[in-house]
């Protein structure tokens, strides 16, 4: 299995607003309880994962106050505050959880402001470095873009940026036209959508964003694979002596220089495995096989 030595450095860097971050980051969603709801079974273990992420050199953490809700951000604060200057924490607004853990839109101006203030309070920050405005679409968790106008969601966050509570703004679950609309309101530093080997609807969007020097942050790196696609990925991983997740992450790193990864885990060992993916060089034959998964 690839070593983690220098893995973070080998992932390269990219701009996230006026910050430069390593392309291998960490997504904090799995620090909450089952289905991202309630407290974790092992809070000490969750804190250990965050401390190990810092030890490995990770400088980009993706979170949201609707993870838990409130749980993940409070664990991040407990584990890492006061935060190192090198750490960039990114959050999302636009959703909330009901009493059963369901995902609901929460994106009128008052809700967006309250969501931001909840993040600031639970993370113990005066301003968020990056806020992604999540546009709740169709599908479980609202992961499919709707194509509607998003000005009514972006404009309130742009006003909060003018108040100094937000430094940079991104958008999540969006199409290119929605990104262009958002950019007419305020600078956009990143896009966060579902994308992986098997779900490549955003290929053209990624290339356009790269030309515009805008980061692209894919989530669900193994989401939506059918059994044949999973088998093909497993075969490539076996040939390379790596895990399927490592191969999927390495493919994303090689896909485009503007892709920032935020794989999540509640396990220190899995965290180390994910980070080690930055050391995994995919030969041309492997890339051809992998590209056919999404073909």
C-alpha atoms as a PDB file:
ATOM      1  CA  UNK A   1       0.000   0.000   0.000  1.00  0.00           C
ATOM      2  CA  UNK A   2       1.343   3.484  -0.846  1.00  0.00           C
ATOM      3  CA  UNK A   3       3.010   5.315   2.036  1.00  0.00           C
ATOM      4  CA  UNK A   4       1.727   8.603   3.351  1.00  0.00           C
ATOM      5  CA  UNK A   5       5.216  10.176   3.399  1.00  0.00           C
ATOM      6  CA  UNK A   6       5.072  13.464   1.486  1.00  0.00           C
ATOM      7  CA  UNK A   7       1.619  12.506   0.202  1.00  0.00           C
ATOM      8  CA  UNK A   8       0.101  15.881   1.004  1.00  0.00           C
ATOM      9  CA  UNK A   9       2.896  17.672  -0.834  1.00  0.00           C
ATOM     10  CA  UNK A  10       2.547  15.273  -3.757  1.00  0.00           C
ATOM     11  CA  UNK A  11      -1.122  16.174  -4.114  1.00  0.00           C
ATOM     12  CA  UNK A  12      -0.080  19.639  -5.280  1.00  0.00           C
ATOM     13  CA  UNK A  13      -1.783  22.898  -4.392  1.00  0.00           C
ATOM     14  CA  UNK A  14      -4.485  25.163  -5.793  1.00  0.00           C
ATOM     15  CA  UNK A  15      -5.978  28.515  -4.896  1.00  0.00           C
ATOM     16  CA  UNK A  16      -9.102  28.688  -2.772  1.00  0.00           C
ATOM     17  CA  UNK A  17      -9.838  32.385  -2.812  1.00  0.00           C
ATOM     18  CA  UNK A  18      -6.653  34.071  -1.675  1.00  0.00           C
ATOM     19  CA  UNK A  19      -5.550  30.935   0.173  1.00  0.00           C
ATOM     20  CA  UNK A  20      -3.317  28.245  -1.288  1.00  0.00           C
ATOM     21  CA  UNK A  21      -4.285  24.780  -0.061  1.00  0.00           C
ATOM     22  CA  UNK A  22      -3.077  21.266  -0.699  1.00  0.00           C
ATOM     23  CA  UNK A  23      -5.353  19.463  -3.098  1.00  0.00           C
ATOM     24  CA  UNK A  24      -5.893  16.623  -0.621  1.00  0.00           C
ATOM     25  CA  UNK A  25      -8.183  17.889   2.117  1.00  0.00           C
ATOM     26  CA  UNK A  26     -10.601  16.335   4.569  1.00  0.00           C
ATOM     27  CA  UNK A  27     -14.402  16.232   4.689  1.00  0.00           C
ATOM     28  CA  UNK A  28     -15.787  16.221   8.233  1.00  0.00           C
ATOM     29  CA  UNK A  29     -19.267  14.874   7.476  1.00  0.00           C
ATOM     30  CA  UNK A  30     -18.598  11.397   8.874  1.00  0.00           C
ATOM     31  CA  UNK A  31     -17.561  12.758  12.269  1.00  0.00           C
ATOM     32  CA  UNK A  32     -21.253  12.957  13.179  1.00  0.00           C
ATOM     33  CA  UNK A  33     -23.414   9.963  14.004  1.00  0.00           C
ATOM     34  CA  UNK A  34     -25.007   7.485  11.568  1.00  0.00           C
ATOM     35  CA  UNK A  35     -26.508   9.174   8.492  1.00  0.00           C
ATOM     36  CA  UNK A  36     -24.723  12.393   9.532  1.00  0.00           C
ATOM     37  CA  UNK A  37     -27.176  12.786  12.401  1.00  0.00           C
ATOM     38  CA  UNK A  38     -26.576  12.973  16.121  1.00  0.00           C
ATOM     39  CA  UNK A  39     -23.328  12.491  18.021  1.00  0.00           C
ATOM     40  CA  UNK A  40     -20.636   9.985  17.029  1.00  0.00           C
ATOM     41  CA  UNK A  41     -20.306   6.692  18.877  1.00  0.00           C
ATOM     42  CA  UNK A  42     -16.678   7.540  19.604  1.00  0.00           C
ATOM     43  CA  UNK A  43     -16.095  11.256  20.173  1.00  0.00           C
ATOM     44  CA  UNK A  44     -12.480  10.710  21.217  1.00  0.00           C
ATOM     45  CA  UNK A  45     -11.957   8.799  17.987  1.00  0.00           C
ATOM     46  CA  UNK A  46     -13.395  11.694  15.983  1.00  0.00           C
ATOM     47  CA  UNK A  47     -11.028  14.111  17.706  1.00  0.00           C
ATOM     48  CA  UNK A  48      -8.127  11.752  16.970  1.00  0.00           C
ATOM     49  CA  UNK A  49      -8.988  11.806  13.252  1.00  0.00           C
ATOM     50  CA  UNK A  50      -8.855  15.596  13.151  1.00  0.00           C
ATOM     51  CA  UNK A  51      -5.563  15.726  15.013  1.00  0.00           C
ATOM     52  CA  UNK A  52      -4.093  13.125  12.658  1.00  0.00           C
ATOM     53  CA  UNK A  53      -5.295  15.167   9.677  1.00  0.00           C
ATOM     54  CA  UNK A  54      -3.272  18.105  10.981  1.00  0.00           C
ATOM     55  CA  UNK A  55      -0.264  15.850  11.614  1.00  0.00           C
ATOM     56  CA  UNK A  56      -0.437  14.632   8.002  1.00  0.00           C
ATOM     57  CA  UNK A  57      -0.357  18.225   6.732  1.00  0.00           C
ATOM     58  CA  UNK A  58      -3.989  18.636   5.693  1.00  0.00           C
ATOM     59  CA  UNK A  59      -4.806  22.350   5.526  1.00  0.00           C
ATOM     60  CA  UNK A  60      -8.360  22.285   4.107  1.00  0.00           C
ATOM     61  CA  UNK A  61     -11.348  20.974   6.093  1.00  0.00           C
ATOM     62  CA  UNK A  62     -14.856  20.920   4.659  1.00  0.00           C
ATOM     63  CA  UNK A  63     -17.728  20.973   7.137  1.00  0.00           C
ATOM     64  CA  UNK A  64     -21.219  22.310   7.768  1.00  0.00           C
ATOM     65  CA  UNK A  65     -23.268  23.111  10.827  1.00  0.00           C
ATOM     66  CA  UNK A  66     -26.082  20.924   9.504  1.00  0.00           C
ATOM     67  CA  UNK A  67     -23.838  17.886  10.043  1.00  0.00           C
ATOM     68  CA  UNK A  68     -25.260  16.551  13.253  1.00  0.00           C
ATOM     69  CA  UNK A  69     -26.628  19.258  13.333  1.00  0.00           C
ATOM     70  CA  UNK A  70     -23.987  21.298  15.182  1.00  0.00           C
ATOM     71  CA  UNK A  71     -22.079  18.142  16.144  1.00  0.00           C
ATOM     72  CA  UNK A  72     -19.267  18.195  13.617  1.00  0.00           C
ATOM     73  CA  UNK A  73     -18.383  21.854  14.063  1.00  0.00           C
ATOM     74  CA  UNK A  74     -18.227  21.513  17.830  1.00  0.00           C
ATOM     75  CA  UNK A  75     -15.904  18.530  17.504  1.00  0.00           C
ATOM     76  CA  UNK A  76     -13.671  20.505  15.127  1.00  0.00           C
ATOM     77  CA  UNK A  77     -13.525  23.353  17.635  1.00  0.00           C
ATOM     78  CA  UNK A  78     -12.740  21.010  20.520  1.00  0.00           C
ATOM     79  CA  UNK A  79     -10.010  19.233  18.584  1.00  0.00           C
ATOM     80  CA  UNK A  80      -8.319  22.103  16.750  1.00  0.00           C
ATOM     81  CA  UNK A  81      -9.067  25.533  18.239  1.00  0.00           C
ATOM     82  CA  UNK A  82      -7.170  27.776  18.360  1.00  0.00           C
ATOM     83  CA  UNK A  83      -6.701  26.993  14.688  1.00  0.00           C
ATOM     84  CA  UNK A  84      -3.336  27.100  12.928  1.00  0.00           C
ATOM     85  CA  UNK A  85      -2.982  29.999  10.506  1.00  0.00           C
ATOM     86  CA  UNK A  86      -2.430  27.523   7.684  1.00  0.00           C
ATOM     87  CA  UNK A  87      -5.851  25.877   8.112  1.00  0.00           C
ATOM     88  CA  UNK A  88      -8.719  26.815   5.794  1.00  0.00           C
ATOM     89  CA  UNK A  89     -12.163  25.782   7.044  1.00  0.00           C
ATOM     90  CA  UNK A  90     -14.978  25.723   4.484  1.00  0.00           C
ATOM     91  CA  UNK A  91     -18.664  25.388   5.323  1.00  0.00           C
ATOM     92  CA  UNK A  92     -21.994  25.103   3.529  1.00  0.00           C
ATOM     93  CA  UNK A  93     -25.286  26.928   3.955  1.00  0.00           C
ATOM     94  CA  UNK A  94     -28.730  26.286   2.525  1.00  0.00           C
ATOM     95  CA  UNK A  95     -30.057  23.217   4.349  1.00  0.00           C
ATOM     96  CA  UNK A  96     -31.127  22.002   7.768  1.00  0.00           C
ATOM     97  CA  UNK A  97     -32.199  18.731   9.394  1.00  0.00           C
ATOM     98  CA  UNK A  98     -35.614  17.802  10.689  1.00  0.00           C
ATOM     99  CA  UNK A  99     -36.163  15.894  13.926  1.00  0.00           C
ATOM    100  CA  UNK A 100     -35.796  12.557  12.125  1.00  0.00           C
ATOM    101  CA  UNK A 101     -32.608  13.566  10.317  1.00  0.00           C
ATOM    102  CA  UNK A 102     -34.202  14.441   6.986  1.00  0.00           C
ATOM    103  CA  UNK A 103     -32.610  17.100   4.760  1.00  0.00           C
ATOM    104  CA  UNK A 104     -34.660  20.247   4.227  1.00  0.00           C
ATOM    105  CA  UNK A 105     -33.980  23.491   2.335  1.00  0.00           C
ATOM    106  CA  UNK A 106     -33.159  26.401   4.656  1.00  0.00           C
ATOM    107  CA  UNK A 107     -32.212  29.164   2.321  1.00  0.00           C
ATOM    108  CA  UNK A 108     -34.273  32.300   2.748  1.00  0.00           C
ATOM    109  CA  UNK A 109     -32.165  35.347   3.721  1.00  0.00           C
ATOM    110  CA  UNK A 110     -32.860  34.999   7.444  1.00  0.00           C
ATOM    111  CA  UNK A 111     -32.055  31.288   7.409  1.00  0.00           C
ATOM    112  CA  UNK A 112     -28.807  31.812   5.509  1.00  0.00           C
ATOM    113  CA  UNK A 113     -27.694  34.437   8.008  1.00  0.00           C
ATOM    114  CA  UNK A 114     -28.676  32.270  10.971  1.00  0.00           C
ATOM    115  CA  UNK A 115     -26.886  29.306   9.424  1.00  0.00           C
ATOM    116  CA  UNK A 116     -23.743  31.363   9.035  1.00  0.00           C
ATOM    117  CA  UNK A 117     -23.914  32.621  12.621  1.00  0.00           C
ATOM    118  CA  UNK A 118     -24.438  29.046  13.851  1.00  0.00           C
ATOM    119  CA  UNK A 119     -21.268  28.007  12.020  1.00  0.00           C
ATOM    120  CA  UNK A 120     -19.299  30.898  13.466  1.00  0.00           C
ATOM    121  CA  UNK A 121     -20.520  30.220  16.999  1.00  0.00           C
ATOM    122  CA  UNK A 122     -19.917  26.462  16.937  1.00  0.00           C
ATOM    123  CA  UNK A 123     -16.535  26.742  15.232  1.00  0.00           C
ATOM    124  CA  UNK A 124     -15.617  29.764  17.376  1.00  0.00           C
ATOM    125  CA  UNK A 125     -14.649  31.942  14.427  1.00  0.00           C
ATOM    126  CA  UNK A 126     -15.235  35.623  13.704  1.00  0.00           C
ATOM    127  CA  UNK A 127     -15.558  35.042   9.951  1.00  0.00           C
ATOM    128  CA  UNK A 128     -15.732  32.030   7.638  1.00  0.00           C
ATOM    129  CA  UNK A 129     -12.939  31.737   5.107  1.00  0.00           C
ATOM    130  CA  UNK A 130     -15.192  30.117   2.470  1.00  0.00           C
ATOM    131  CA  UNK A 131     -18.945  29.549   2.455  1.00  0.00           C
ATOM    132  CA  UNK A 132     -20.545  27.316  -0.173  1.00  0.00           C
ATOM    133  CA  UNK A 133     -24.153  28.214  -0.929  1.00  0.00           C
ATOM    134  CA  UNK A 134     -25.854  24.853  -1.308  1.00  0.00           C
ATOM    135  CA  UNK A 135     -28.674  24.874  -3.851  1.00  0.00           C
ATOM    136  CA  UNK A 136     -31.035  22.116  -2.732  1.00  0.00           C
ATOM    137  CA  UNK A 137     -31.913  20.130  -5.850  1.00  0.00           C
ATOM    138  CA  UNK A 138     -33.596  16.801  -6.479  1.00  0.00           C
ATOM    139  CA  UNK A 139     -32.402  13.410  -5.346  1.00  0.00           C
ATOM    140  CA  UNK A 140     -31.469  12.248  -1.866  1.00  0.00           C
ATOM    141  CA  UNK A 141     -29.914  15.137   0.002  1.00  0.00           C
ATOM    142  CA  UNK A 142     -30.611  17.455  -2.934  1.00  0.00           C
ATOM    143  CA  UNK A 143     -27.546  16.417  -4.946  1.00  0.00           C
ATOM    144  CA  UNK A 144     -28.853  17.041  -8.467  1.00  0.00           C
ATOM    145  CA  UNK A 145     -28.786  20.644  -9.796  1.00  0.00           C
ATOM    146  CA  UNK A 146     -32.158  22.210 -10.519  1.00  0.00           C
ATOM    147  CA  UNK A 147     -31.087  24.788 -13.118  1.00  0.00           C
ATOM    148  CA  UNK A 148     -33.193  27.523 -11.490  1.00  0.00           C
ATOM    149  CA  UNK A 149     -32.035  31.077 -10.879  1.00  0.00           C
ATOM    150  CA  UNK A 150     -29.879  31.185  -7.751  1.00  0.00           C
ATOM    151  CA  UNK A 151     -29.635  34.948  -7.250  1.00  0.00           C
ATOM    152  CA  UNK A 152     -32.023  34.825  -4.266  1.00  0.00           C
ATOM    153  CA  UNK A 153     -29.643  32.430  -2.507  1.00  0.00           C
ATOM    154  CA  UNK A 154     -26.323  34.032  -3.428  1.00  0.00           C
ATOM    155  CA  UNK A 155     -27.246  37.685  -2.877  1.00  0.00           C
ATOM    156  CA  UNK A 156     -27.908  37.343   0.889  1.00  0.00           C
ATOM    157  CA  UNK A 157     -24.546  35.635   1.389  1.00  0.00           C
ATOM    158  CA  UNK A 158     -22.844  38.320  -0.704  1.00  0.00           C
ATOM    159  CA  UNK A 159     -24.295  40.888   1.710  1.00  0.00           C
ATOM    160  CA  UNK A 160     -22.885  38.933   4.637  1.00  0.00           C
ATOM    161  CA  UNK A 161     -19.551  38.989   2.833  1.00  0.00           C
ATOM    162  CA  UNK A 162     -19.759  42.775   2.641  1.00  0.00           C
ATOM    163  CA  UNK A 163     -20.332  42.791   6.427  1.00  0.00           C
ATOM    164  CA  UNK A 164     -17.070  40.902   6.896  1.00  0.00           C
ATOM    165  CA  UNK A 165     -18.623  37.641   8.109  1.00  0.00           C
ATOM    166  CA  UNK A 166     -17.581  35.730   4.966  1.00  0.00           C
ATOM    167  CA  UNK A 167     -14.313  36.124   3.086  1.00  0.00           C
ATOM    168  CA  UNK A 168     -15.002  33.995   0.008  1.00  0.00           C
ATOM    169  CA  UNK A 169     -18.083  32.433  -1.575  1.00  0.00           C
ATOM    170  CA  UNK A 170     -18.587  29.184  -3.458  1.00  0.00           C
ATOM    171  CA  UNK A 171     -21.670  27.414  -4.799  1.00  0.00           C
ATOM    172  CA  UNK A 172     -22.760  23.787  -4.522  1.00  0.00           C
ATOM    173  CA  UNK A 173     -25.037  21.540  -6.594  1.00  0.00           C
ATOM    174  CA  UNK A 174     -25.048  23.886  -9.576  1.00  0.00           C
ATOM    175  CA  UNK A 175     -24.820  24.028 -13.353  1.00  0.00           C
ATOM    176  CA  UNK A 176     -22.465  26.203 -15.392  1.00  0.00           C
ATOM    177  CA  UNK A 177     -25.219  28.738 -16.063  1.00  0.00           C
ATOM    178  CA  UNK A 178     -25.842  29.015 -12.330  1.00  0.00           C
ATOM    179  CA  UNK A 179     -22.133  29.544 -11.711  1.00  0.00           C
ATOM    180  CA  UNK A 180     -22.127  32.306 -14.309  1.00  0.00           C
ATOM    181  CA  UNK A 181     -25.163  33.894 -12.656  1.00  0.00           C
ATOM    182  CA  UNK A 182     -23.477  33.710  -9.247  1.00  0.00           C
ATOM    183  CA  UNK A 183     -20.318  35.314 -10.664  1.00  0.00           C
ATOM    184  CA  UNK A 184     -22.413  38.249 -11.854  1.00  0.00           C
ATOM    185  CA  UNK A 185     -23.249  38.863  -8.168  1.00  0.00           C
ATOM    186  CA  UNK A 186     -19.905  38.236  -6.460  1.00  0.00           C
ATOM    187  CA  UNK A 187     -16.593  36.443  -7.077  1.00  0.00           C
ATOM    188  CA  UNK A 188     -16.926  32.656  -6.861  1.00  0.00           C
ATOM    189  CA  UNK A 189     -13.883  30.713  -5.665  1.00  0.00           C
ATOM    190  CA  UNK A 190     -15.135  27.117  -5.813  1.00  0.00           C
ATOM    191  CA  UNK A 191     -17.876  24.790  -7.005  1.00  0.00           C
ATOM    192  CA  UNK A 192     -18.867  21.707  -5.024  1.00  0.00           C
ATOM    193  CA  UNK A 193     -20.846  19.083  -6.954  1.00  0.00           C
ATOM    194  CA  UNK A 194     -21.187  15.323  -7.121  1.00  0.00           C
ATOM    195  CA  UNK A 195     -18.546  13.898  -9.459  1.00  0.00           C
ATOM    196  CA  UNK A 196     -16.576  10.683  -9.693  1.00  0.00           C
ATOM    197  CA  UNK A 197     -15.463   7.993 -12.112  1.00  0.00           C
ATOM    198  CA  UNK A 198     -18.999   6.765 -12.676  1.00  0.00           C
ATOM    199  CA  UNK A 199     -20.786  10.149 -12.607  1.00  0.00           C
ATOM    200  CA  UNK A 200     -19.089  12.513 -15.018  1.00  0.00           C
ATOM    201  CA  UNK A 201     -21.806  14.960 -16.047  1.00  0.00           C
ATOM    202  CA  UNK A 202     -19.540  17.813 -14.913  1.00  0.00           C
ATOM    203  CA  UNK A 203     -16.624  17.063 -17.260  1.00  0.00           C
ATOM    204  CA  UNK A 204     -17.139  20.219 -19.311  1.00  0.00           C
ATOM    205  CA  UNK A 205     -17.836  22.306 -16.196  1.00  0.00           C
ATOM    206  CA  UNK A 206     -14.570  21.175 -14.582  1.00  0.00           C
ATOM    207  CA  UNK A 207     -12.555  22.117 -17.652  1.00  0.00           C
ATOM    208  CA  UNK A 208     -14.218  25.531 -17.873  1.00  0.00           C
ATOM    209  CA  UNK A 209     -13.630  26.201 -14.186  1.00  0.00           C
ATOM    210  CA  UNK A 210      -9.967  25.222 -14.589  1.00  0.00           C
ATOM    211  CA  UNK A 211      -9.645  27.820 -17.343  1.00  0.00           C
ATOM    212  CA  UNK A 212     -11.224  30.349 -14.976  1.00  0.00           C
ATOM    213  CA  UNK A 213      -8.891  29.344 -12.083  1.00  0.00           C
ATOM    214  CA  UNK A 214     -11.862  28.267  -9.955  1.00  0.00           C
ATOM    215  CA  UNK A 215     -11.559  25.224  -7.703  1.00  0.00           C
ATOM    216  CA  UNK A 216     -13.836  22.232  -8.175  1.00  0.00           C
ATOM    217  CA  UNK A 217     -14.560  20.101  -5.083  1.00  0.00           C
ATOM    218  CA  UNK A 218     -16.238  16.755  -5.868  1.00  0.00           C
ATOM    219  CA  UNK A 219     -18.176  14.863  -3.251  1.00  0.00           C
ATOM    220  CA  UNK A 220     -19.183  11.173  -3.132  1.00  0.00           C
ATOM    221  CA  UNK A 221     -16.004   9.875  -4.821  1.00  0.00           C
ATOM    222  CA  UNK A 222     -17.567   6.383  -4.860  1.00  0.00           C
ATOM    223  CA  UNK A 223     -21.232   7.389  -5.008  1.00  0.00           C
ATOM    224  CA  UNK A 224     -23.617   5.890  -7.547  1.00  0.00           C
ATOM    225  CA  UNK A 225     -21.440   3.060  -8.875  1.00  0.00           C
ATOM    226  CA  UNK A 226     -23.297   0.043 -10.264  1.00  0.00           C
ATOM    227  CA  UNK A 227     -21.911  -3.476  -9.590  1.00  0.00           C
ATOM    228  CA  UNK A 228     -20.071  -3.710 -12.930  1.00  0.00           C
ATOM    229  CA  UNK A 229     -18.433  -0.317 -12.414  1.00  0.00           C
ATOM    230  CA  UNK A 230     -17.411  -1.259  -8.888  1.00  0.00           C
ATOM    231  CA  UNK A 231     -15.941  -4.544 -10.169  1.00  0.00           C
ATOM    232  CA  UNK A 232     -13.886  -2.722 -12.798  1.00  0.00           C
ATOM    233  CA  UNK A 233     -12.555  -0.300 -10.186  1.00  0.00           C
ATOM    234  CA  UNK A 234     -11.746  -3.156  -7.807  1.00  0.00           C
ATOM    235  CA  UNK A 235      -9.797  -4.942 -10.559  1.00  0.00           C
ATOM    236  CA  UNK A 236      -7.647  -1.887 -11.277  1.00  0.00           C
ATOM    237  CA  UNK A 237      -7.044  -1.389  -7.564  1.00  0.00           C
ATOM    238  CA  UNK A 238      -6.000  -5.007  -7.147  1.00  0.00           C
ATOM    239  CA  UNK A 239      -3.542  -4.724 -10.039  1.00  0.00           C
ATOM    240  CA  UNK A 240      -1.981  -1.650  -8.414  1.00  0.00           C
ATOM    241  CA  UNK A 241      -1.901  -3.029  -4.877  1.00  0.00           C
ATOM    242  CA  UNK A 242      -4.139  -0.216  -3.640  1.00  0.00           C
ATOM    243  CA  UNK A 243      -7.672   0.187  -2.321  1.00  0.00           C
ATOM    244  CA  UNK A 244     -10.560   1.117  -4.588  1.00  0.00           C
ATOM    245  CA  UNK A 245     -10.953   4.425  -2.747  1.00  0.00           C
ATOM    246  CA  UNK A 246      -7.276   5.247  -3.262  1.00  0.00           C
ATOM    247  CA  UNK A 247      -7.571   4.596  -6.994  1.00  0.00           C
ATOM    248  CA  UNK A 248     -10.743   6.692  -7.253  1.00  0.00           C
ATOM    249  CA  UNK A 249      -9.066   9.571  -5.415  1.00  0.00           C
ATOM    250  CA  UNK A 250      -5.859   9.294  -7.460  1.00  0.00           C
ATOM    251  CA  UNK A 251      -7.922   9.401 -10.659  1.00  0.00           C
ATOM    252  CA  UNK A 252      -9.620  12.588  -9.487  1.00  0.00           C
ATOM    253  CA  UNK A 253      -6.263  14.199  -8.666  1.00  0.00           C
ATOM    254  CA  UNK A 254      -5.005  13.368 -12.152  1.00  0.00           C
ATOM    255  CA  UNK A 255      -8.276  14.435 -13.807  1.00  0.00           C
ATOM    256  CA  UNK A 256      -7.704  18.197 -13.485  1.00  0.00           C
ATOM    257  CA  UNK A 257      -5.366  20.481 -11.488  1.00  0.00           C
ATOM    258  CA  UNK A 258      -8.265  22.512 -10.068  1.00  0.00           C
ATOM    259  CA  UNK A 259      -9.861  19.530  -8.307  1.00  0.00           C
ATOM    260  CA  UNK A 260      -9.639  19.641  -4.507  1.00  0.00           C
ATOM    261  CA  UNK A 261     -10.479  16.444  -2.648  1.00  0.00           C
ATOM    262  CA  UNK A 262     -12.337  16.204   0.661  1.00  0.00           C
ATOM    263  CA  UNK A 263     -12.677  12.467   1.371  1.00  0.00           C
ATOM    264  CA  UNK A 264     -14.330  11.864   4.713  1.00  0.00           C
ATOM    265  CA  UNK A 265     -13.804   9.169   7.306  1.00  0.00           C
ATOM    266  CA  UNK A 266     -14.167   8.589  11.034  1.00  0.00           C
ATOM    267  CA  UNK A 267     -11.143   6.257  11.088  1.00  0.00           C
ATOM    268  CA  UNK A 268      -7.510   7.312  11.511  1.00  0.00           C
ATOM    269  CA  UNK A 269      -6.362   4.338   9.416  1.00  0.00           C
ATOM    270  CA  UNK A 270      -8.764   5.176   6.583  1.00  0.00           C
ATOM    271  CA  UNK A 271      -7.631   8.786   6.753  1.00  0.00           C
ATOM    272  CA  UNK A 272      -4.034   7.686   6.247  1.00  0.00           C
ATOM    273  CA  UNK A 273      -5.084   5.474   3.344  1.00  0.00           C
ATOM    274  CA  UNK A 274      -6.966   8.328   1.702  1.00  0.00           C
ATOM    275  CA  UNK A 275      -4.034  10.709   2.050  1.00  0.00           C
ATOM    276  CA  UNK A 276      -1.694   8.065   0.630  1.00  0.00           C
ATOM    277  CA  UNK A 277      -3.690   8.170  -2.613  1.00  0.00           C
ATOM    278  CA  UNK A 278      -1.727  11.297  -3.524  1.00  0.00           C
ATOM    279  CA  UNK A 279       1.336   9.061  -3.888  1.00  0.00           C
ATOM    280  CA  UNK A 280      -0.432   6.674  -6.263  1.00  0.00           C
ATOM    281  CA  UNK A 281       0.669   7.109  -9.874  1.00  0.00           C
ATOM    282  CA  UNK A 282      -1.895   5.705 -12.287  1.00  0.00           C
ATOM    283  CA  UNK A 283      -0.291   4.257 -15.433  1.00  0.00           C
ATOM    284  CA  UNK A 284      -1.853   4.967 -18.811  1.00  0.00           C
ATOM    285  CA  UNK A 285      -3.410   1.510 -19.098  1.00  0.00           C
ATOM    286  CA  UNK A 286      -5.102   1.904 -15.724  1.00  0.00           C
ATOM    287  CA  UNK A 287      -6.444   5.342 -16.651  1.00  0.00           C
ATOM    288  CA  UNK A 288      -7.905   3.931 -19.880  1.00  0.00           C
ATOM    289  CA  UNK A 289      -9.717   1.236 -17.921  1.00  0.00           C
ATOM    290  CA  UNK A 290     -10.951   3.733 -15.362  1.00  0.00           C
ATOM    291  CA  UNK A 291     -12.135   6.207 -17.982  1.00  0.00           C
ATOM    292  CA  UNK A 292     -14.318   3.484 -19.490  1.00  0.00           C
ATOM    293  CA  UNK A 293     -16.196   3.187 -16.177  1.00  0.00           C
ATOM    294  CA  UNK A 294     -17.827   6.534 -16.813  1.00  0.00           C
ATOM    295  CA  UNK A 295     -18.132   6.017 -20.561  1.00  0.00           C
END
